[in-house]
Amino acid sequence: MTDKKTIAVFFGGRSPEHDVSVVSGLQALQAIDGTKYNAFPVYITTEGAWYTGDALRERGNYLPDRTMLASLTEVTLDVSANGPPKGRLAAKKKSLFGGAKVIEFDVAIPAFHGPFGEDGNIQGLFETAKTPYTGMRTMASAVTMDKGVSKRLMQSLGIPTLPFAILHRADQGYSLPVEELEAQLKHLSFPVCLKPCHLGSSIGVAKCKSAQEVSACLPAIFKYDSAAIVEPFVENLIEYNVSVARMNGAVVTSALERPKNTEELLDFKQKYLSGGDNKTGQKNSGQASEGMLSLTREINPTLPEGREADIRNWANTFYSAIDGTGAPRIDFIGNEKSGEIWMNEINPCPGSFGYFLWEAAKEPVLFTNLLTHLIEEALAHTRKMAMPADPVPMDARLHKRPT
């Protein structure tokens, strides 16, 4: 019998989606296979401080107040990369015997949503620290979290996507002159859909009927994001989402979901705080569960002929093009009356890891098994990318090596 591997689940962070990340992280902690792994939480506050401790396992303790934070262990990631691939957290306060306590772990599970966690930042930190981690790699995370860059990649792959414009926050202030907006949006027809370029969860999404309305709505986006994306507003809106992963050497897709939405776009609270009591993933669930706070959806809907195949093929094409790892969710939108459909955006780490989509797949994958797959994939990827202790080739060495 081999020793259990230790898994650190990271969540929270300096993102507008901090609270959703906490839910995803706690769900993962509950669902990890305890017969194979020992898991513990690492919570990052909205100000960027890192903490660990058993009290962080309970949802009722969020957000921790100062008294609770004082009872936890504040840590930082050791990025020295000494020794074999592994994660090391160093306590910021020294012990009674003078040394800083070190907590080692085998794999990190980032359960972040939004900036500073889902966008390649924490992934790059783990790469620097030689720490195995689950999910998408640094480049893929950065590309897919930038809606403008990901849409340009879709275009290059021949995947249908809506025309768009990217608006960048000015050096001063949170708005842009109407005249400037009219020039930048002249190739688009109103009404348009305005949303942040690097955020999810429908934060800041607005329907605008003129450049004046775009200008009025931009401050709400630029407060949290440095760029906004503008696209034509789709009438008769219908949405389809699917998750993608590489399992047993092949790219596979999950069940499809069709969010049930009204004529107006879902806002953040409607999406994450609507109805239902099942708010955590279950290790032994044998049926498709409600998912992140019971977003109303139809799983495996009946689609027009050929549409499901298109969605799965396009998702496969995009995932393969970025050398995908992890299990991102790819979202599509369409006009239900005209039959048109477009790839919309990619979620590198979907809420609840999209486990309900995998549980309802043609070949079901329970949440616990999905997490096991992600952990084993992280370890395999680390072995695959291993480099010599001295990575400089013999003919490129300019300095003598110590003996």
Protein backbone atom coordinates (compact mmCIF):
# COMPACT_ATOMS: atom_id res chain seq x y z
CA MET A 1 0.00 0.00 0.00
CA THR A 2 1.50 3.34 -1.07
CA ASP A 3 1.17 6.47 0.97
CA LYS A 4 -1.66 8.82 0.10
CA LYS A 5 -0.70 11.89 -1.89
CA THR A 6 -1.40 15.27 -0.36
CA ILE A 7 -3.59 17.70 -2.31
CA ALA A 8 -3.85 21.43 -1.64
CA VAL A 9 -7.08 23.05 -2.86
CA PHE A 10 -6.60 26.78 -3.52
CA PHE A 11 -9.57 29.15 -3.68
CA GLY A 12 -10.77 32.68 -2.96
CA GLY A 13 -8.39 35.29 -4.33
CA ARG A 14 -8.33 38.90 -5.46
CA SER A 15 -11.11 38.54 -8.01
CA PRO A 16 -14.69 39.82 -8.31
CA GLU A 17 -15.56 36.11 -8.46
CA HIS A 18 -13.95 35.43 -5.07
CA ASP A 19 -17.13 34.14 -3.39
CA VAL A 20 -17.97 31.74 -6.22
CA SER A 21 -14.41 30.40 -6.00
CA VAL A 22 -14.93 29.64 -2.30
CA VAL A 23 -17.95 27.50 -3.16
CA SER A 24 -16.05 25.62 -5.89
CA GLY A 25 -13.08 25.04 -3.59
CA LEU A 26 -15.19 23.67 -0.76
CA GLN A 27 -17.06 21.41 -3.17
CA ALA A 28 -13.76 19.99 -4.40
CA LEU A 29 -12.52 19.44 -0.85
CA GLN A 30 -15.64 17.45 -0.06
CA ALA A 31 -15.56 15.38 -3.25
CA ILE A 32 -11.86 14.36 -3.35
CA ASP A 33 -11.34 10.61 -2.95
CA GLY A 34 -10.22 10.21 0.66
CA THR A 35 -9.00 6.65 0.02
CA LYS A 36 -6.30 8.00 -2.32
CA TYR A 37 -5.60 11.53 -1.16
CA ASN A 38 -5.32 13.74 1.88
CA ALA A 39 -6.65 17.19 0.98
CA PHE A 40 -6.48 20.51 2.77
CA PRO A 41 -7.66 24.06 1.99
CA VAL A 42 -5.58 27.10 1.11
CA TYR A 43 -7.72 30.21 1.21
CA ILE A 44 -6.60 33.48 -0.37
CA THR A 45 -8.35 36.57 0.98
CA THR A 46 -9.71 39.39 -1.16
CA GLU A 47 -6.57 41.33 -0.20
CA GLY A 48 -4.22 38.52 -1.27
CA ALA A 49 -3.14 36.94 2.04
CA TRP A 50 -2.82 33.12 2.04
CA TYR A 51 -4.14 31.00 4.95
CA THR A 52 -4.61 27.36 5.80
CA GLY A 53 -6.36 25.59 8.66
CA ASP A 54 -9.22 23.18 9.34
CA ALA A 55 -11.68 25.99 10.06
CA LEU A 56 -11.51 26.83 6.36
CA ARG A 57 -13.32 23.60 5.50
CA GLU A 58 -16.65 24.96 6.76
CA ARG A 59 -18.69 27.22 4.51
CA GLY A 60 -20.29 28.86 7.52
CA ASN A 61 -16.92 30.41 8.40
CA TYR A 62 -16.78 32.55 5.25
CA LEU A 63 -15.69 35.19 4.93
CA PRO A 64 -13.35 34.79 7.94
CA ASP A 65 -13.17 37.78 10.26
CA ARG A 66 -9.98 39.03 11.89
CA THR A 67 -10.43 36.82 14.92
CA MET A 68 -10.69 33.69 12.79
CA LEU A 69 -7.80 34.72 10.54
CA ALA A 70 -5.64 35.10 13.64
CA SER A 71 -6.34 31.46 14.52
CA LEU A 72 -5.23 30.24 11.09
CA THR A 73 -1.74 29.74 9.67
CA GLU A 74 -0.69 32.41 7.19
CA VAL A 75 1.50 30.90 4.50
CA THR A 76 3.38 31.71 1.33
CA LEU A 77 4.44 29.49 -1.57
CA ASP A 78 8.09 28.49 -1.64
CA VAL A 79 9.19 29.17 -5.23
CA SER A 80 12.79 28.03 -4.83
CA ALA A 81 12.00 24.81 -6.79
CA ASN A 82 14.59 22.80 -4.87
CA GLY A 83 14.28 19.04 -5.01
CA PRO A 84 11.67 16.93 -6.81
CA PRO A 85 8.41 18.43 -8.11
CA LYS A 86 6.31 19.25 -5.08
CA GLY A 87 4.50 22.14 -3.47
CA ARG A 88 5.82 23.75 -0.32
CA LEU A 89 3.99 26.29 1.81
CA ALA A 90 6.07 28.16 4.38
CA ALA A 91 4.39 29.59 7.46
CA LYS A 92 5.02 33.32 7.68
CA LYS A 93 5.45 33.16 11.45
CA LYS A 94 8.36 31.20 12.87
CA SER A 95 7.73 28.38 15.32
CA LEU A 96 8.78 28.44 18.96
CA PHE A 97 12.00 26.69 17.94
CA GLY A 98 12.95 29.38 15.45
CA GLY A 99 12.19 27.72 12.09
CA ALA A 100 9.27 28.39 9.76
CA LYS A 101 6.86 25.48 9.50
CA VAL A 102 6.79 23.96 6.00
CA ILE A 103 3.69 22.22 4.64
CA GLU A 104 4.41 19.97 1.66
CA PHE A 105 1.87 18.78 -0.89
CA ASP A 106 2.01 16.76 -4.10
CA VAL A 107 -0.55 18.54 -6.30
CA ALA A 108 -2.33 21.91 -6.25
CA ILE A 109 -5.95 22.20 -7.36
CA PRO A 110 -6.64 25.83 -8.28
CA ALA A 111 -10.38 26.46 -7.84
CA PHE A 112 -10.18 30.13 -8.83
CA HIS A 113 -12.52 32.05 -11.08
CA GLY A 114 -11.48 35.30 -12.72
CA PRO A 115 -8.25 37.33 -12.52
CA PHE A 116 -5.18 36.30 -10.53
CA GLY A 117 -6.16 32.64 -10.49
CA GLU A 118 -7.94 31.45 -13.62
CA ASP A 119 -5.97 33.58 -16.08
CA GLY A 120 -2.49 32.05 -15.97
CA ASN A 121 -1.11 34.06 -13.05
CA ILE A 122 -1.22 31.35 -10.38
CA GLN A 123 -0.38 28.74 -13.01
CA GLY A 124 2.84 30.58 -13.82
CA LEU A 125 3.63 30.76 -10.11
CA PHE A 126 3.19 27.00 -9.76
CA GLU A 127 5.39 26.45 -12.82
CA THR A 128 8.11 28.61 -11.26
CA ALA A 129 7.84 26.67 -8.00
CA LYS A 130 7.93 23.30 -9.84
CA THR A 131 4.60 22.43 -8.29
CA PRO A 132 2.23 20.02 -10.11
CA TYR A 133 -1.21 21.58 -10.60
CA THR A 134 -4.51 20.67 -12.20
CA GLY A 135 -6.33 22.41 -15.02
CA MET A 136 -5.15 24.36 -18.00
CA ARG A 137 -1.52 25.41 -18.42
CA THR A 138 -0.27 28.99 -18.19
CA MET A 139 -0.57 29.92 -21.86
CA ALA A 140 -3.93 28.22 -22.38
CA SER A 141 -5.34 29.83 -19.23
CA ALA A 142 -4.23 33.30 -20.35
CA VAL A 143 -5.57 32.87 -23.89
CA THR A 144 -8.96 31.53 -22.89
CA MET A 145 -9.52 34.12 -20.14
CA ASP A 146 -9.04 36.94 -22.65
CA LYS A 147 -12.23 36.99 -24.71
CA GLY A 148 -10.66 39.03 -27.50
CA VAL A 149 -7.64 36.76 -27.92
CA SER A 150 -9.74 33.60 -27.72
CA LYS A 151 -12.16 34.93 -30.36
CA ARG A 152 -9.26 35.68 -32.71
CA LEU A 153 -8.13 32.08 -32.25
CA MET A 154 -11.66 30.87 -33.00
CA GLN A 155 -11.61 32.88 -36.23
CA SER A 156 -8.26 31.41 -37.25
CA LEU A 157 -9.63 27.90 -36.68
CA GLY A 158 -12.72 28.55 -38.80
CA ILE A 159 -15.04 28.31 -35.80
CA PRO A 160 -18.01 30.69 -36.13
CA THR A 161 -17.98 33.56 -33.63
CA LEU A 162 -19.65 36.96 -33.52
CA PRO A 163 -17.88 40.12 -34.73
CA PHE A 164 -16.54 42.17 -31.84
CA ALA A 165 -14.65 45.22 -30.67
CA ILE A 166 -12.33 45.58 -27.67
CA LEU A 167 -12.50 48.77 -25.61
CA HIS A 168 -9.55 49.54 -23.34
CA ARG A 169 -9.76 51.52 -20.14
CA ALA A 170 -8.25 54.99 -20.46
CA ASP A 171 -5.24 56.04 -18.41
CA GLN A 172 -7.52 58.38 -16.49
CA GLY A 173 -11.14 57.71 -15.62
CA TYR A 174 -13.54 54.85 -16.19
CA SER A 175 -15.37 56.04 -19.28
CA LEU A 176 -14.62 56.81 -22.94
CA PRO A 177 -15.88 59.71 -25.10
CA VAL A 178 -18.97 58.94 -27.17
CA GLU A 179 -17.22 60.11 -30.36
CA GLU A 180 -14.38 57.66 -29.78
CA LEU A 181 -16.83 54.85 -29.12
CA GLU A 182 -18.78 55.58 -32.30
CA ALA A 183 -15.55 55.25 -34.29
CA GLN A 184 -14.53 52.00 -32.61
CA LEU A 185 -17.98 50.44 -32.95
CA LYS A 186 -18.82 51.57 -36.48
CA HIS A 187 -18.60 47.99 -37.83
CA LEU A 188 -21.22 46.78 -35.33
CA SER A 189 -24.98 47.33 -35.38
CA PHE A 190 -26.92 48.34 -32.30
CA PRO A 191 -28.13 46.99 -29.96
CA VAL A 192 -24.92 45.48 -28.67
CA CYS A 193 -23.90 43.32 -25.73
CA LEU A 194 -21.22 44.87 -23.51
CA LYS A 195 -19.25 42.77 -21.01
CA PRO A 196 -15.84 42.56 -19.29
CA CYS A 197 -13.05 41.03 -21.36
CA HIS A 198 -11.55 38.94 -18.56
CA LEU A 199 -14.40 38.16 -16.14
CA GLY A 200 -17.19 35.59 -16.04
CA SER A 201 -20.35 35.01 -14.02
CA SER A 202 -22.23 37.67 -16.04
CA ILE A 203 -20.61 40.47 -13.99
CA GLY A 204 -21.09 43.83 -15.70
CA VAL A 205 -23.02 42.50 -18.71
CA ALA A 206 -25.29 45.09 -20.32
CA LYS A 207 -27.45 45.50 -23.42
CA CYS A 208 -26.77 48.89 -25.02
CA LYS A 209 -28.80 50.59 -27.74
CA SER A 210 -26.35 53.40 -28.52
CA ALA A 211 -22.79 54.58 -28.05
CA GLN A 212 -24.11 56.86 -25.30
CA GLU A 213 -25.40 53.83 -23.39
CA VAL A 214 -22.08 52.03 -23.87
CA SER A 215 -20.29 55.04 -22.42
CA ALA A 216 -22.66 55.08 -19.45
CA CYS A 217 -22.18 51.37 -18.73
CA LEU A 218 -18.40 51.22 -19.10
CA PRO A 219 -17.53 52.52 -15.59
CA ALA A 220 -19.19 49.46 -14.02
CA ILE A 221 -16.89 47.24 -16.10
CA PHE A 222 -13.70 49.31 -15.94
CA LYS A 223 -13.90 49.31 -12.15
CA TYR A 224 -13.05 45.58 -12.28
CA ASP A 225 -11.48 44.98 -15.69
CA SER A 226 -9.00 46.81 -17.90
CA ALA A 227 -10.92 46.01 -21.09
CA ALA A 228 -14.47 45.43 -22.31
CA ILE A 229 -15.73 43.46 -25.29
CA VAL A 230 -18.65 44.58 -27.46
CA GLU A 231 -20.62 42.21 -29.68
CA PRO A 232 -23.94 42.33 -31.54
CA PHE A 233 -26.87 41.56 -29.26
CA VAL A 234 -28.32 38.20 -30.29
CA GLU A 235 -32.09 38.10 -30.59
CA ASN A 236 -33.99 34.94 -29.66
CA LEU A 237 -30.98 33.99 -27.56
CA ILE A 238 -30.30 30.35 -26.80
CA GLU A 239 -27.19 29.04 -25.05
CA TYR A 240 -25.38 25.71 -25.03
CA ASN A 241 -22.45 24.76 -22.83
CA VAL A 242 -20.16 21.74 -22.95
CA SER A 243 -17.05 20.72 -21.03
CA VAL A 244 -13.98 19.17 -22.67
CA ALA A 245 -11.19 16.99 -21.31
CA ARG A 246 -8.52 14.57 -22.45
CA MET A 247 -9.18 11.14 -21.00
CA ASN A 248 -7.43 7.89 -21.87
CA GLY A 249 -5.52 9.63 -24.64
CA ALA A 250 -8.56 11.06 -26.43
CA VAL A 251 -10.39 14.39 -26.30
CA VAL A 252 -13.89 13.80 -24.95
CA THR A 253 -16.86 16.04 -24.31
CA SER A 254 -19.40 16.05 -21.50
CA ALA A 255 -23.15 16.30 -21.58
CA LEU A 256 -24.54 19.48 -23.08
CA GLU A 257 -26.54 21.96 -21.07
CA ARG A 258 -28.99 24.59 -22.21
CA PRO A 259 -29.39 27.32 -19.57
CA LYS A 260 -33.03 28.36 -19.27
CA ASN A 261 -32.93 32.13 -19.45
CA THR A 262 -35.43 34.93 -19.96
CA GLU A 263 -35.32 37.47 -22.76
CA GLU A 264 -32.89 39.51 -20.67
CA LEU A 265 -29.39 38.28 -19.86
CA LEU A 266 -28.90 36.52 -16.55
CA ASP A 267 -27.21 38.69 -13.98
CA PHE A 268 -24.76 37.43 -11.38
CA LYS A 269 -27.26 36.85 -8.55
CA GLN A 270 -29.81 35.14 -10.81
CA LYS A 271 -27.09 32.84 -12.08
CA TYR A 272 -25.58 31.79 -8.76
CA LEU A 273 -28.18 32.42 -6.06
CA SER A 274 -31.35 31.02 -7.57
CA GLY A 275 -33.18 28.22 -5.79
CA GLY A 276 -32.17 24.74 -4.73
CA ASP A 277 -30.54 23.31 -1.64
CA ASN A 278 -27.87 21.03 -3.08
CA LYS A 279 -24.85 23.31 -2.92
CA THR A 280 -21.98 20.84 -2.73
CA GLY A 281 -20.82 18.01 -4.92
CA GLN A 282 -21.37 14.52 -3.61
CA LYS A 283 -18.73 11.78 -3.74
CA ASN A 284 -21.30 9.07 -4.36
CA SER A 285 -23.79 10.90 -6.55
CA GLY A 286 -24.95 8.62 -9.33
CA GLN A 287 -27.14 11.17 -11.07
CA ALA A 288 -26.55 14.55 -12.64
CA SER A 289 -26.67 16.97 -9.73
CA GLU A 290 -27.85 20.56 -9.63
CA GLY A 291 -24.41 22.12 -9.95
CA MET A 292 -23.29 25.51 -8.76
CA LEU A 293 -26.11 26.82 -6.61
CA SER A 294 -28.80 25.35 -8.86
CA LEU A 295 -28.60 27.39 -12.03
CA THR A 296 -31.76 26.41 -13.92
CA ARG A 297 -30.74 24.38 -16.93
CA GLU A 298 -31.78 21.59 -19.24
CA ILE A 299 -29.24 18.76 -19.44
CA ASN A 300 -28.85 16.90 -22.75
CA PRO A 301 -31.51 18.95 -24.57
CA THR A 302 -32.91 17.96 -27.93
CA LEU A 303 -31.05 19.96 -30.59
CA PRO A 304 -31.73 20.57 -34.28
CA GLU A 305 -30.13 18.01 -36.56
CA GLY A 306 -26.37 18.49 -36.83
CA ARG A 307 -26.10 21.15 -34.14
CA GLU A 308 -24.86 18.85 -31.38
CA ALA A 309 -22.17 17.40 -33.66
CA ASP A 310 -21.06 20.92 -34.60
CA ILE A 311 -20.81 22.00 -30.95
CA ARG A 312 -18.78 18.96 -29.98
CA ASN A 313 -16.51 19.18 -33.03
CA TRP A 314 -15.81 22.88 -32.54
CA ALA A 315 -15.12 22.36 -28.83
CA ASN A 316 -12.74 19.52 -29.67
CA THR A 317 -10.98 21.65 -32.32
CA PHE A 318 -10.44 24.60 -29.97
CA TYR A 319 -9.29 22.43 -27.05
CA SER A 320 -6.83 20.57 -29.25
CA ALA A 321 -5.47 23.80 -30.73
CA ILE A 322 -4.41 25.08 -27.29
CA ASP A 323 -2.99 21.67 -26.29
CA GLY A 324 -5.72 21.55 -23.69
CA THR A 325 -5.50 20.06 -20.23
CA GLY A 326 -7.99 20.17 -17.40
CA ALA A 327 -11.73 20.31 -18.06
CA PRO A 328 -12.72 23.78 -19.30
CA ARG A 329 -16.30 24.61 -20.23
CA ILE A 330 -16.92 26.07 -23.68
CA ASP A 331 -20.02 28.22 -24.12
CA PHE A 332 -22.00 28.76 -27.32
CA ILE A 333 -24.81 31.16 -28.12
CA GLY A 334 -27.30 31.11 -30.94
CA ASN A 335 -30.41 32.61 -32.48
CA GLU A 336 -33.08 30.00 -31.90
CA LYS A 337 -35.26 31.21 -34.77
CA SER A 338 -32.58 31.60 -37.47
CA GLY A 339 -30.61 28.53 -36.39
CA GLU A 340 -27.30 30.45 -36.33
CA ILE A 341 -24.82 29.48 -33.62
CA TRP A 342 -21.48 30.88 -32.50
CA MET A 343 -18.76 29.89 -30.05
CA ASN A 344 -18.90 32.52 -27.33
CA GLU A 345 -16.28 32.06 -24.62
CA ILE A 346 -14.20 29.56 -22.67
CA ASN A 347 -14.17 29.04 -18.91
CA PRO A 348 -10.76 27.54 -17.95
CA CYS A 349 -12.08 26.57 -14.50
CA PRO A 350 -15.90 26.49 -14.62
CA GLY A 351 -17.95 26.87 -11.46
CA SER A 352 -18.08 23.59 -9.54
CA PHE A 353 -15.58 22.30 -12.13
CA GLY A 354 -18.63 21.61 -14.30
CA TYR A 355 -19.00 18.26 -12.56
CA PHE A 356 -22.74 18.01 -13.21
CA LEU A 357 -22.03 17.98 -16.95
CA TRP A 358 -19.66 15.03 -16.56
CA GLU A 359 -22.07 13.13 -14.32
CA ALA A 360 -24.68 13.38 -17.10
CA ALA A 361 -22.30 12.45 -19.93
CA LYS A 362 -22.91 9.46 -22.19
CA GLU A 363 -20.24 7.69 -20.17
CA PRO A 364 -20.78 9.28 -16.73
CA VAL A 365 -17.82 10.56 -14.73
CA LEU A 366 -18.66 11.29 -11.09
CA PHE A 367 -17.21 14.39 -9.46
CA THR A 368 -14.79 12.34 -7.36
CA ASN A 369 -13.52 10.54 -10.45
CA LEU A 370 -13.22 13.81 -12.36
CA LEU A 371 -11.00 15.23 -9.62
CA THR A 372 -8.93 12.03 -9.58
CA HIS A 373 -8.45 12.36 -13.34
CA LEU A 374 -7.34 15.99 -12.99
CA ILE A 375 -4.88 15.09 -10.22
CA GLU A 376 -3.36 12.18 -12.14
CA GLU A 377 -3.19 14.32 -15.28
CA ALA A 378 -1.27 16.98 -13.34
CA LEU A 379 1.27 14.42 -12.12
CA ALA A 380 1.65 12.90 -15.60
CA HIS A 381 2.13 16.33 -17.17
CA THR A 382 4.82 17.18 -14.61
CA ARG A 383 6.69 13.96 -15.44
CA LYS A 384 6.35 14.67 -19.15
CA MET A 385 7.78 18.19 -18.82
CA ALA A 386 10.63 17.24 -16.46
CA MET A 387 14.00 18.83 -17.21
CA PRO A 388 17.53 17.90 -16.09
CA ALA A 389 18.79 19.35 -12.82
CA ASP A 390 21.11 21.51 -14.96
CA PRO A 391 18.91 22.53 -17.93
CA VAL A 392 21.70 24.26 -19.87
CA PRO A 393 22.96 22.05 -22.78
CA MET A 394 26.65 21.19 -22.77
CA ASP A 395 27.43 23.35 -25.83
CA ALA A 396 25.59 26.37 -24.30
CA ARG A 397 27.43 26.42 -20.98
CA LEU A 398 29.46 29.59 -20.59
CA HIS A 399 30.51 29.09 -16.99
CA LYS A 400 32.20 26.22 -15.20
CA ARG A 401 30.01 23.98 -13.07
CA PRO A 402 30.74 23.36 -9.37
CA THR A 403 32.09 19.90 -8.61
